[in-house]
Amino acid sequence: MSHVRIDDLLGRVVRDSNGRSVGRIYEIRAEEQGDELVILEYHLGAAAMMERVGLSILRLAGLSHGRDPLKVPWDRMDLSEPRQPRLLGTLEDLR
């Protein structure tokens, strides 16, 4: 099992297998499973940043900031180098 510090990931640029920038990690979704916190997905891009700072409250009021964050499942992220996270595959594969 691998352990990665969240602080090492937040704000990092994620690149795909072609070396192209996919977006920055601004949000990480996790759930408790027993005594552990298990990562479910990573949210990338400007919409994820707005989500992180609380602009998703606009949606509760029936408004929208226009875009959803890019959601990357935990198993599609290579964190072997936490300061240089990589998407397994391409952005097109993810969509």
PDB file of N, CA and C in Angstrom:
ATOM      1  N   MET A   1       0.838  -1.172   0.000  1.00  0.00           N
ATOM      2  CA  MET A   1       0.000   0.000   0.000  1.00  0.00           C
ATOM      3  C   MET A   1       0.885   1.237   0.000  1.00  0.00           C
ATOM      4  N   SER A   2       0.467   2.243  -0.738  1.00  0.00           N
ATOM      5  CA  SER A   2       1.254   3.462  -0.855  1.00  0.00           C
ATOM      6  C   SER A   2       0.573   4.598  -0.109  1.00  0.00           C
ATOM      7  N   HIS A   3       1.372   5.448   0.506  1.00  0.00           N
ATOM      8  CA  HIS A   3       0.863   6.618   1.210  1.00  0.00           C
ATOM      9  C   HIS A   3       1.449   7.855   0.560  1.00  0.00           C
ATOM     10  N   VAL A   4       0.578   8.819   0.271  1.00  0.00           N
ATOM     11  CA  VAL A   4       0.992  10.078  -0.339  1.00  0.00           C
ATOM     12  C   VAL A   4       0.383  11.204   0.477  1.00  0.00           C
ATOM     13  N   ARG A   5       1.172  12.222   0.750  1.00  0.00           N
ATOM     14  CA  ARG A   5       0.666  13.380   1.488  1.00  0.00           C
ATOM     15  C   ARG A   5      -0.211  14.224   0.569  1.00  0.00           C
ATOM     16  N   ILE A   6      -1.407  14.564   1.038  1.00  0.00           N
ATOM     17  CA  ILE A   6      -2.326  15.396   0.271  1.00  0.00           C
ATOM     18  C   ILE A   6      -1.667  16.724  -0.092  1.00  0.00           C
ATOM     19  N   ASP A   7      -0.902  17.283   0.832  1.00  0.00           N
ATOM     20  CA  ASP A   7      -0.227  18.561   0.568  1.00  0.00           C
ATOM     21  C   ASP A   7       0.709  18.494  -0.629  1.00  0.00           C
ATOM     22  N   ASP A   8       1.232  17.315  -0.913  1.00  0.00           N
ATOM     23  CA  ASP A   8       2.120  17.159  -2.062  1.00  0.00           C
ATOM     24  C   ASP A   8       1.355  17.125  -3.381  1.00  0.00           C
ATOM     25  N   LEU A   9       0.040  16.930  -3.327  1.00  0.00           N
ATOM     26  CA  LEU A   9      -0.761  16.808  -4.544  1.00  0.00           C
ATOM     27  C   LEU A   9      -1.549  18.070  -4.898  1.00  0.00           C
ATOM     28  N   LEU A  10      -2.109  18.723  -3.896  1.00  0.00           N
ATOM     29  CA  LEU A  10      -2.990  19.864  -4.166  1.00  0.00           C
ATOM     30  C   LEU A  10      -2.260  20.967  -4.924  1.00  0.00           C
ATOM     31  N   GLY A  11      -2.861  21.384  -6.010  1.00  0.00           N
ATOM     32  CA  GLY A  11      -2.295  22.436  -6.845  1.00  0.00           C
ATOM     33  C   GLY A  11      -1.306  21.953  -7.891  1.00  0.00           C
ATOM     34  N   ARG A  12      -0.977  20.671  -7.868  1.00  0.00           N
ATOM     35  CA  ARG A  12      -0.019  20.129  -8.837  1.00  0.00           C
ATOM     36  C   ARG A  12      -0.673  19.971 -10.210  1.00  0.00           C
ATOM     37  N   VAL A  13       0.105  20.251 -11.249  1.00  0.00           N
ATOM     38  CA  VAL A  13      -0.354  20.053 -12.622  1.00  0.00           C
ATOM     39  C   VAL A  13      -0.286  18.571 -12.947  1.00  0.00           C
ATOM     40  N   VAL A  14      -1.361  18.050 -13.505  1.00  0.00           N
ATOM     41  CA  VAL A  14      -1.417  16.658 -13.951  1.00  0.00           C
ATOM     42  C   VAL A  14      -1.196  16.643 -15.461  1.00  0.00           C
ATOM     43  N   ARG A  15      -0.328  15.778 -15.916  1.00  0.00           N
ATOM     44  CA  ARG A  15      -0.075  15.623 -17.351  1.00  0.00           C
ATOM     45  C   ARG A  15      -0.545  14.244 -17.789  1.00  0.00           C
ATOM     46  N   ASP A  16      -0.988  14.159 -19.040  1.00  0.00           N
ATOM     47  CA  ASP A  16      -1.438  12.864 -19.551  1.00  0.00           C
ATOM     48  C   ASP A  16      -0.257  12.114 -20.148  1.00  0.00           C
ATOM     49  N   SER A  17      -0.514  10.953 -20.728  1.00  0.00           N
ATOM     50  CA  SER A  17       0.566  10.110 -21.248  1.00  0.00           C
ATOM     51  C   SER A  17       1.293  10.748 -22.422  1.00  0.00           C
ATOM     52  N   ASN A  18       0.685  11.779 -23.043  1.00  0.00           N
ATOM     53  CA  ASN A  18       1.337  12.516 -24.127  1.00  0.00           C
ATOM     54  C   ASN A  18       2.121  13.718 -23.615  1.00  0.00           C
ATOM     55  N   GLY A  19       2.119  13.926 -22.288  1.00  0.00           N
ATOM     56  CA  GLY A  19       2.829  15.052 -21.709  1.00  0.00           C
ATOM     57  C   GLY A  19       2.034  16.338 -21.693  1.00  0.00           C
ATOM     58  N   ARG A  20       0.794  16.275 -22.133  1.00  0.00           N
ATOM     59  CA  ARG A  20      -0.070  17.460 -22.199  1.00  0.00           C
ATOM     60  C   ARG A  20      -0.689  17.741 -20.833  1.00  0.00           C
ATOM     61  N   SER A  21      -0.761  19.022 -20.467  1.00  0.00           N
ATOM     62  CA  SER A  21      -1.371  19.416 -19.202  1.00  0.00           C
ATOM     63  C   SER A  21      -2.870  19.143 -19.234  1.00  0.00           C
ATOM     64  N   VAL A  22      -3.361  18.474 -18.195  1.00  0.00           N
ATOM     65  CA  VAL A  22      -4.780  18.142 -18.087  1.00  0.00           C
ATOM     66  C   VAL A  22      -5.467  19.115 -17.132  1.00  0.00           C
ATOM     67  N   GLY A  23      -4.760  19.588 -16.128  1.00  0.00           N
ATOM     68  CA  GLY A  23      -5.301  20.513 -15.140  1.00  0.00           C
ATOM     69  C   GLY A  23      -4.605  20.321 -13.809  1.00  0.00           C
ATOM     70  N   ARG A  24      -4.893  21.215 -12.890  1.00  0.00           N
ATOM     71  CA  ARG A  24      -4.325  21.117 -11.539  1.00  0.00           C
ATOM     72  C   ARG A  24      -5.290  20.390 -10.611  1.00  0.00           C
ATOM     73  N   ILE A  25      -4.753  19.664  -9.658  1.00  0.00           N
ATOM     74  CA  ILE A  25      -5.567  18.985  -8.651  1.00  0.00           C
ATOM     75  C   ILE A  25      -5.998  20.025  -7.619  1.00  0.00           C
ATOM     76  N   TYR A  26      -7.298  20.236  -7.509  1.00  0.00           N
ATOM     77  CA  TYR A  26      -7.809  21.178  -6.514  1.00  0.00           C
ATOM     78  C   TYR A  26      -8.703  20.510  -5.477  1.00  0.00           C
ATOM     79  N   GLU A  27      -9.196  19.321  -5.779  1.00  0.00           N
ATOM     80  CA  GLU A  27     -10.118  18.646  -4.857  1.00  0.00           C
ATOM     81  C   GLU A  27      -9.826  17.157  -4.919  1.00  0.00           C
ATOM     82  N   ILE A  28      -9.891  16.505  -3.760  1.00  0.00           N
ATOM     83  CA  ILE A  28      -9.713  15.060  -3.692  1.00  0.00           C
ATOM     84  C   ILE A  28     -10.878  14.499  -2.903  1.00  0.00           C
ATOM     85  N   ARG A  29     -11.608  13.571  -3.499  1.00  0.00           N
ATOM     86  CA  ARG A  29     -12.758  12.939  -2.838  1.00  0.00           C
ATOM     87  C   ARG A  29     -12.328  11.608  -2.251  1.00  0.00           C
ATOM     88  N   ALA A  30     -12.730  11.374  -1.006  1.00  0.00           N
ATOM     89  CA  ALA A  30     -12.355  10.145  -0.305  1.00  0.00           C
ATOM     90  C   ALA A  30     -13.501   9.700   0.581  1.00  0.00           C
ATOM     91  N   GLU A  31     -13.420   8.454   1.045  1.00  0.00           N
ATOM     92  CA  GLU A  31     -14.400   7.943   1.993  1.00  0.00           C
ATOM     93  C   GLU A  31     -13.694   7.055   3.006  1.00  0.00           C
ATOM     94  N   GLU A  32     -14.294   6.971   4.169  1.00  0.00           N
ATOM     95  CA  GLU A  32     -13.742   6.103   5.204  1.00  0.00           C
ATOM     96  C   GLU A  32     -14.115   4.659   4.900  1.00  0.00           C
ATOM     97  N   GLN A  33     -13.123   3.798   5.001  1.00  0.00           N
ATOM     98  CA  GLN A  33     -13.331   2.360   4.876  1.00  0.00           C
ATOM     99  C   GLN A  33     -12.598   1.726   6.050  1.00  0.00           C
ATOM    100  N   GLY A  34     -13.366   1.417   7.078  1.00  0.00           N
ATOM    101  CA  GLY A  34     -12.747   0.915   8.308  1.00  0.00           C
ATOM    102  C   GLY A  34     -11.952   2.025   8.961  1.00  0.00           C
ATOM    103  N   ASP A  35     -10.690   1.756   9.224  1.00  0.00           N
ATOM    104  CA  ASP A  35      -9.809   2.740   9.852  1.00  0.00           C
ATOM    105  C   ASP A  35      -9.028   3.566   8.840  1.00  0.00           C
ATOM    106  N   GLU A  36      -9.320   3.404   7.548  1.00  0.00           N
ATOM    107  CA  GLU A  36      -8.561   4.101   6.517  1.00  0.00           C
ATOM    108  C   GLU A  36      -9.424   5.088   5.758  1.00  0.00           C
ATOM    109  N   LEU A  37      -8.772   6.082   5.196  1.00  0.00           N
ATOM    110  CA  LEU A  37      -9.405   7.027   4.294  1.00  0.00           C
ATOM    111  C   LEU A  37      -8.934   6.662   2.893  1.00  0.00           C
ATOM    112  N   VAL A  38      -9.873   6.289   2.019  1.00  0.00           N
ATOM    113  CA  VAL A  38      -9.541   5.774   0.700  1.00  0.00           C
ATOM    114  C   VAL A  38      -9.953   6.794  -0.362  1.00  0.00           C
ATOM    115  N   ILE A  39      -9.021   7.142  -1.244  1.00  0.00           N
ATOM    116  CA  ILE A  39      -9.278   8.098  -2.315  1.00  0.00           C
ATOM    117  C   ILE A  39     -10.213   7.472  -3.346  1.00  0.00           C
ATOM    118  N   LEU A  40     -11.235   8.229  -3.745  1.00  0.00           N
ATOM    119  CA  LEU A  40     -12.167   7.797  -4.784  1.00  0.00           C
ATOM    120  C   LEU A  40     -11.851   8.443  -6.125  1.00  0.00           C
ATOM    121  N   GLU A  41     -11.636   9.778  -6.102  1.00  0.00           N
ATOM    122  CA  GLU A  41     -11.372  10.485  -7.346  1.00  0.00           C
ATOM    123  C   GLU A  41     -10.697  11.820  -7.066  1.00  0.00           C
ATOM    124  N   TYR A  42     -10.105  12.350  -8.114  1.00  0.00           N
ATOM    125  CA  TYR A  42      -9.437  13.641  -8.074  1.00  0.00           C
ATOM    126  C   TYR A  42     -10.209  14.588  -8.979  1.00  0.00           C
ATOM    127  N   HIS A  43     -10.398  15.841  -8.535  1.00  0.00           N
ATOM    128  CA  HIS A  43     -11.084  16.838  -9.352  1.00  0.00           C
ATOM    129  C   HIS A  43     -10.046  17.845  -9.826  1.00  0.00           C
ATOM    130  N   LEU A  44     -10.034  18.075 -11.149  1.00  0.00           N
ATOM    131  CA  LEU A  44      -9.027  18.918 -11.771  1.00  0.00           C
ATOM    132  C   LEU A  44      -9.653  20.121 -12.456  1.00  0.00           C
ATOM    133  N   GLY A  45      -8.851  21.171 -12.613  1.00  0.00           N
ATOM    134  CA  GLY A  45      -9.225  22.316 -13.424  1.00  0.00           C
ATOM    135  C   GLY A  45      -9.866  23.454 -12.656  1.00  0.00           C
ATOM    136  N   ALA A  46     -10.212  24.504 -13.413  1.00  0.00           N
ATOM    137  CA  ALA A  46     -10.767  25.728 -12.829  1.00  0.00           C
ATOM    138  C   ALA A  46     -12.081  25.465 -12.094  1.00  0.00           C
ATOM    139  N   ALA A  47     -12.927  24.609 -12.644  1.00  0.00           N
ATOM    140  CA  ALA A  47     -14.204  24.310 -11.981  1.00  0.00           C
ATOM    141  C   ALA A  47     -13.963  23.615 -10.643  1.00  0.00           C
ATOM    142  N   ALA A  48     -12.920  22.811 -10.555  1.00  0.00           N
ATOM    143  CA  ALA A  48     -12.580  22.158  -9.286  1.00  0.00           C
ATOM    144  C   ALA A  48     -12.084  23.189  -8.277  1.00  0.00           C
ATOM    145  N   MET A  49     -11.361  24.201  -8.763  1.00  0.00           N
ATOM    146  CA  MET A  49     -10.897  25.253  -7.863  1.00  0.00           C
ATOM    147  C   MET A  49     -12.102  26.020  -7.315  1.00  0.00           C
ATOM    148  N   MET A  50     -13.069  26.341  -8.176  1.00  0.00           N
ATOM    149  CA  MET A  50     -14.268  27.036  -7.708  1.00  0.00           C
ATOM    150  C   MET A  50     -15.046  26.174  -6.733  1.00  0.00           C
ATOM    151  N   GLU A  51     -15.103  24.884  -6.992  1.00  0.00           N
ATOM    152  CA  GLU A  51     -15.752  23.942  -6.086  1.00  0.00           C
ATOM    153  C   GLU A  51     -15.059  23.969  -4.723  1.00  0.00           C
ATOM    154  N   ARG A  52     -13.749  24.008  -4.754  1.00  0.00           N
ATOM    155  CA  ARG A  52     -12.962  23.987  -3.514  1.00  0.00           C
ATOM    156  C   ARG A  52     -13.178  25.237  -2.678  1.00  0.00           C
ATOM    157  N   VAL A  53     -13.305  26.386  -3.308  1.00  0.00           N
ATOM    158  CA  VAL A  53     -13.480  27.628  -2.564  1.00  0.00           C
ATOM    159  C   VAL A  53     -14.935  27.927  -2.247  1.00  0.00           C
ATOM    160  N   GLY A  54     -15.817  27.020  -2.572  1.00  0.00           N
ATOM    161  CA  GLY A  54     -17.197  27.140  -2.134  1.00  0.00           C
ATOM    162  C   GLY A  54     -18.170  27.707  -3.140  1.00  0.00           C
ATOM    163  N   LEU A  55     -17.758  27.904  -4.381  1.00  0.00           N
ATOM    164  CA  LEU A  55     -18.688  28.451  -5.356  1.00  0.00           C
ATOM    165  C   LEU A  55     -19.735  27.434  -5.795  1.00  0.00           C
ATOM    166  N   SER A  56     -19.582  26.184  -5.359  1.00  0.00           N
ATOM    167  CA  SER A  56     -20.608  25.191  -5.668  1.00  0.00           C
ATOM    168  C   SER A  56     -21.902  25.525  -4.928  1.00  0.00           C
ATOM    169  N   ILE A  57     -21.833  26.435  -3.955  1.00  0.00           N
ATOM    170  CA  ILE A  57     -23.032  26.896  -3.261  1.00  0.00           C
ATOM    171  C   ILE A  57     -23.994  27.553  -4.251  1.00  0.00           C
ATOM    172  N   LEU A  58     -23.443  28.120  -5.318  1.00  0.00           N
ATOM    173  CA  LEU A  58     -24.286  28.715  -6.350  1.00  0.00           C
ATOM    174  C   LEU A  58     -25.287  27.695  -6.892  1.00  0.00           C
ATOM    175  N   ARG A  59     -24.842  26.468  -7.021  1.00  0.00           N
ATOM    176  CA  ARG A  59     -25.735  25.422  -7.539  1.00  0.00           C
ATOM    177  C   ARG A  59     -26.908  25.167  -6.606  1.00  0.00           C
ATOM    178  N   LEU A  60     -26.662  25.270  -5.306  1.00  0.00           N
ATOM    179  CA  LEU A  60     -27.755  25.082  -4.343  1.00  0.00           C
ATOM    180  C   LEU A  60     -28.817  26.163  -4.507  1.00  0.00           C
ATOM    181  N   ALA A  61     -28.392  27.324  -4.960  1.00  0.00           N
ATOM    182  CA  ALA A  61     -29.320  28.433  -5.172  1.00  0.00           C
ATOM    183  C   ALA A  61     -29.946  28.377  -6.561  1.00  0.00           C
ATOM    184  N   GLY A  62     -29.628  27.328  -7.324  1.00  0.00           N
ATOM    185  CA  GLY A  62     -30.198  27.187  -8.657  1.00  0.00           C
ATOM    186  C   GLY A  62     -29.389  27.874  -9.739  1.00  0.00           C
ATOM    187  N   LEU A  63     -28.223  28.387  -9.385  1.00  0.00           N
ATOM    188  CA  LEU A  63     -27.347  29.033 -10.355  1.00  0.00           C
ATOM    189  C   LEU A  63     -26.219  28.082 -10.702  1.00  0.00           C
ATOM    190  N   SER A  64     -25.459  28.427 -11.713  1.00  0.00           N
ATOM    191  CA  SER A  64     -24.342  27.573 -12.103  1.00  0.00           C
ATOM    192  C   SER A  64     -23.175  28.433 -12.560  1.00  0.00           C
ATOM    193  N   HIS A  65     -21.972  27.946 -12.303  1.00  0.00           N
ATOM    194  CA  HIS A  65     -20.793  28.635 -12.813  1.00  0.00           C
ATOM    195  C   HIS A  65     -20.406  28.071 -14.165  1.00  0.00           C
ATOM    196  N   GLY A  66     -21.231  27.160 -14.703  1.00  0.00           N
ATOM    197  CA  GLY A  66     -21.090  26.740 -16.088  1.00  0.00           C
ATOM    198  C   GLY A  66     -20.413  25.417 -16.358  1.00  0.00           C
ATOM    199  N   ARG A  67     -19.465  25.009 -15.534  1.00  0.00           N
ATOM    200  CA  ARG A  67     -18.726  23.791 -15.853  1.00  0.00           C
ATOM    201  C   ARG A  67     -18.585  22.904 -14.637  1.00  0.00           C
ATOM    202  N   ASP A  68     -18.451  21.618 -14.898  1.00  0.00           N
ATOM    203  CA  ASP A  68     -18.146  20.663 -13.845  1.00  0.00           C
ATOM    204  C   ASP A  68     -16.649  20.393 -13.877  1.00  0.00           C
ATOM    205  N   PRO A  69     -16.074  20.062 -12.728  1.00  0.00           N
ATOM    206  CA  PRO A  69     -14.648  19.738 -12.731  1.00  0.00           C
ATOM    207  C   PRO A  69     -14.389  18.441 -13.495  1.00  0.00           C
ATOM    208  N   LEU A  70     -13.177  18.311 -13.996  1.00  0.00           N
ATOM    209  CA  LEU A  70     -12.764  17.061 -14.613  1.00  0.00           C
ATOM    210  C   LEU A  70     -12.520  16.076 -13.484  1.00  0.00           C
ATOM    211  N   LYS A  71     -13.231  14.958 -13.491  1.00  0.00           N
ATOM    212  CA  LYS A  71     -13.126  13.966 -12.423  1.00  0.00           C
ATOM    213  C   LYS A  71     -12.306  12.781 -12.907  1.00  0.00           C
ATOM    214  N   VAL A  72     -11.242  12.498 -12.162  1.00  0.00           N
ATOM    215  CA  VAL A  72     -10.335  11.411 -12.517  1.00  0.00           C
ATOM    216  C   VAL A  72     -10.446  10.322 -11.456  1.00  0.00           C
ATOM    217  N   PRO A  73     -10.892   9.115 -11.831  1.00  0.00           N
ATOM    218  CA  PRO A  73     -10.956   8.018 -10.859  1.00  0.00           C
ATOM    219  C   PRO A  73      -9.573   7.723 -10.280  1.00  0.00           C
ATOM    220  N   TRP A  74      -9.545   7.258  -9.052  1.00  0.00           N
ATOM    221  CA  TRP A  74      -8.285   7.010  -8.351  1.00  0.00           C
ATOM    222  C   TRP A  74      -7.344   6.114  -9.130  1.00  0.00           C
ATOM    223  N   ASP A  75      -7.896   5.131  -9.842  1.00  0.00           N
ATOM    224  CA  ASP A  75      -7.051   4.154 -10.522  1.00  0.00           C
ATOM    225  C   ASP A  75      -6.530   4.634 -11.877  1.00  0.00           C
ATOM    226  N   ARG A  76      -6.878   5.865 -12.254  1.00  0.00           N
ATOM    227  CA  ARG A  76      -6.372   6.432 -13.514  1.00  0.00           C
ATOM    228  C   ARG A  76      -5.251   7.442 -13.276  1.00  0.00           C
ATOM    229  N   MET A  77      -4.809   7.553 -12.011  1.00  0.00           N
ATOM    230  CA  MET A  77      -3.779   8.523 -11.649  1.00  0.00           C
ATOM    231  C   MET A  77      -2.515   7.801 -11.212  1.00  0.00           C
ATOM    232  N   ASP A  78      -1.386   8.173 -11.805  1.00  0.00           N
ATOM    233  CA  ASP A  78      -0.083   7.639 -11.418  1.00  0.00           C
ATOM    234  C   ASP A  78       0.550   8.622 -10.445  1.00  0.00           C
ATOM    235  N   LEU A  79       0.699   8.187  -9.192  1.00  0.00           N
ATOM    236  CA  LEU A  79       1.270   9.032  -8.146  1.00  0.00           C
ATOM    237  C   LEU A  79       2.637   8.531  -7.695  1.00  0.00           C
ATOM    238  N   SER A  80       3.314   7.787  -8.553  1.00  0.00           N
ATOM    239  CA  SER A  80       4.633   7.283  -8.178  1.00  0.00           C
ATOM    240  C   SER A  80       5.601   8.440  -7.920  1.00  0.00           C
ATOM    241  N   GLU A  81       5.371   9.576  -8.556  1.00  0.00           N
ATOM    242  CA  GLU A  81       6.097  10.825  -8.286  1.00  0.00           C
ATOM    243  C   GLU A  81       5.044  11.847  -7.876  1.00  0.00           C
ATOM    244  N   PRO A  82       4.705  11.941  -6.585  1.00  0.00           N
ATOM    245  CA  PRO A  82       3.594  12.795  -6.151  1.00  0.00           C
ATOM    246  C   PRO A  82       3.701  14.256  -6.584  1.00  0.00           C
ATOM    247  N   ARG A  83       4.910  14.761  -6.764  1.00  0.00           N
ATOM    248  CA  ARG A  83       5.063  16.155  -7.183  1.00  0.00           C
ATOM    249  C   ARG A  83       4.892  16.318  -8.693  1.00  0.00           C
ATOM    250  N   GLN A  84       4.760  15.191  -9.406  1.00  0.00           N
ATOM    251  CA  GLN A  84       4.520  15.209 -10.849  1.00  0.00           C
ATOM    252  C   GLN A  84       3.477  14.152 -11.195  1.00  0.00           C
ATOM    253  N   PRO A  85       2.232  14.331 -10.722  1.00  0.00           N
ATOM    254  CA  PRO A  85       1.200  13.322 -10.985  1.00  0.00           C
ATOM    255  C   PRO A  85       0.901  13.205 -12.478  1.00  0.00           C
ATOM    256  N   ARG A  86       0.579  11.990 -12.901  1.00  0.00           N
ATOM    257  CA  ARG A  86       0.308  11.735 -14.312  1.00  0.00           C
ATOM    258  C   ARG A  86      -1.000  10.978 -14.466  1.00  0.00           C
ATOM    259  N   LEU A  87      -1.727  11.348 -15.486  1.00  0.00           N
ATOM    260  CA  LEU A  87      -2.937  10.637 -15.865  1.00  0.00           C
ATOM    261  C   LEU A  87      -2.525   9.394 -16.636  1.00  0.00           C
ATOM    262  N   LEU A  88      -3.086   8.263 -16.292  1.00  0.00           N
ATOM    263  CA  LEU A  88      -2.812   7.038 -17.041  1.00  0.00           C
ATOM    264  C   LEU A  88      -3.686   7.065 -18.286  1.00  0.00           C
ATOM    265  N   GLY A  89      -3.077   7.257 -19.417  1.00  0.00           N
ATOM    266  CA  GLY A  89      -3.801   7.422 -20.669  1.00  0.00           C
ATOM    267  C   GLY A  89      -3.849   8.890 -21.051  1.00  0.00           C
ATOM    268  N   THR A  90      -4.776   9.209 -21.957  1.00  0.00           N
ATOM    269  CA  THR A  90      -4.898  10.588 -22.440  1.00  0.00           C
ATOM    270  C   THR A  90      -6.171  11.220 -21.923  1.00  0.00           C
ATOM    271  N   LEU A  91      -6.253  12.516 -22.065  1.00  0.00           N
ATOM    272  CA  LEU A  91      -7.465  13.241 -21.678  1.00  0.00           C
ATOM    273  C   LEU A  91      -8.660  12.726 -22.486  1.00  0.00           C
ATOM    274  N   GLU A  92      -8.450  12.444 -23.760  1.00  0.00           N
ATOM    275  CA  GLU A  92      -9.534  11.927 -24.603  1.00  0.00           C
ATOM    276  C   GLU A  92     -10.040  10.579 -24.101  1.00  0.00           C
ATOM    277  N   ASP A  93      -9.138   9.737 -23.593  1.00  0.00           N
ATOM    278  CA  ASP A  93      -9.527   8.437 -23.033  1.00  0.00           C
ATOM    279  C   ASP A  93     -10.450   8.622 -21.832  1.00  0.00           C
ATOM    280  N   LEU A  94     -10.179   9.659 -21.060  1.00  0.00           N
ATOM    281  CA  LEU A  94     -10.937   9.906 -19.836  1.00  0.00           C
ATOM    282  C   LEU A  94     -12.355  10.374 -20.143  1.00  0.00           C
ATOM    283  N   ARG A  95     -12.489  11.158 -21.169  1.00  0.00           N
ATOM    284  CA  ARG A  95     -13.813  11.691 -21.539  1.00  0.00           C
ATOM    285  C   ARG A  95     -14.572  10.664 -22.290  1.00  0.00           C
TER     286      ARG A  95
END
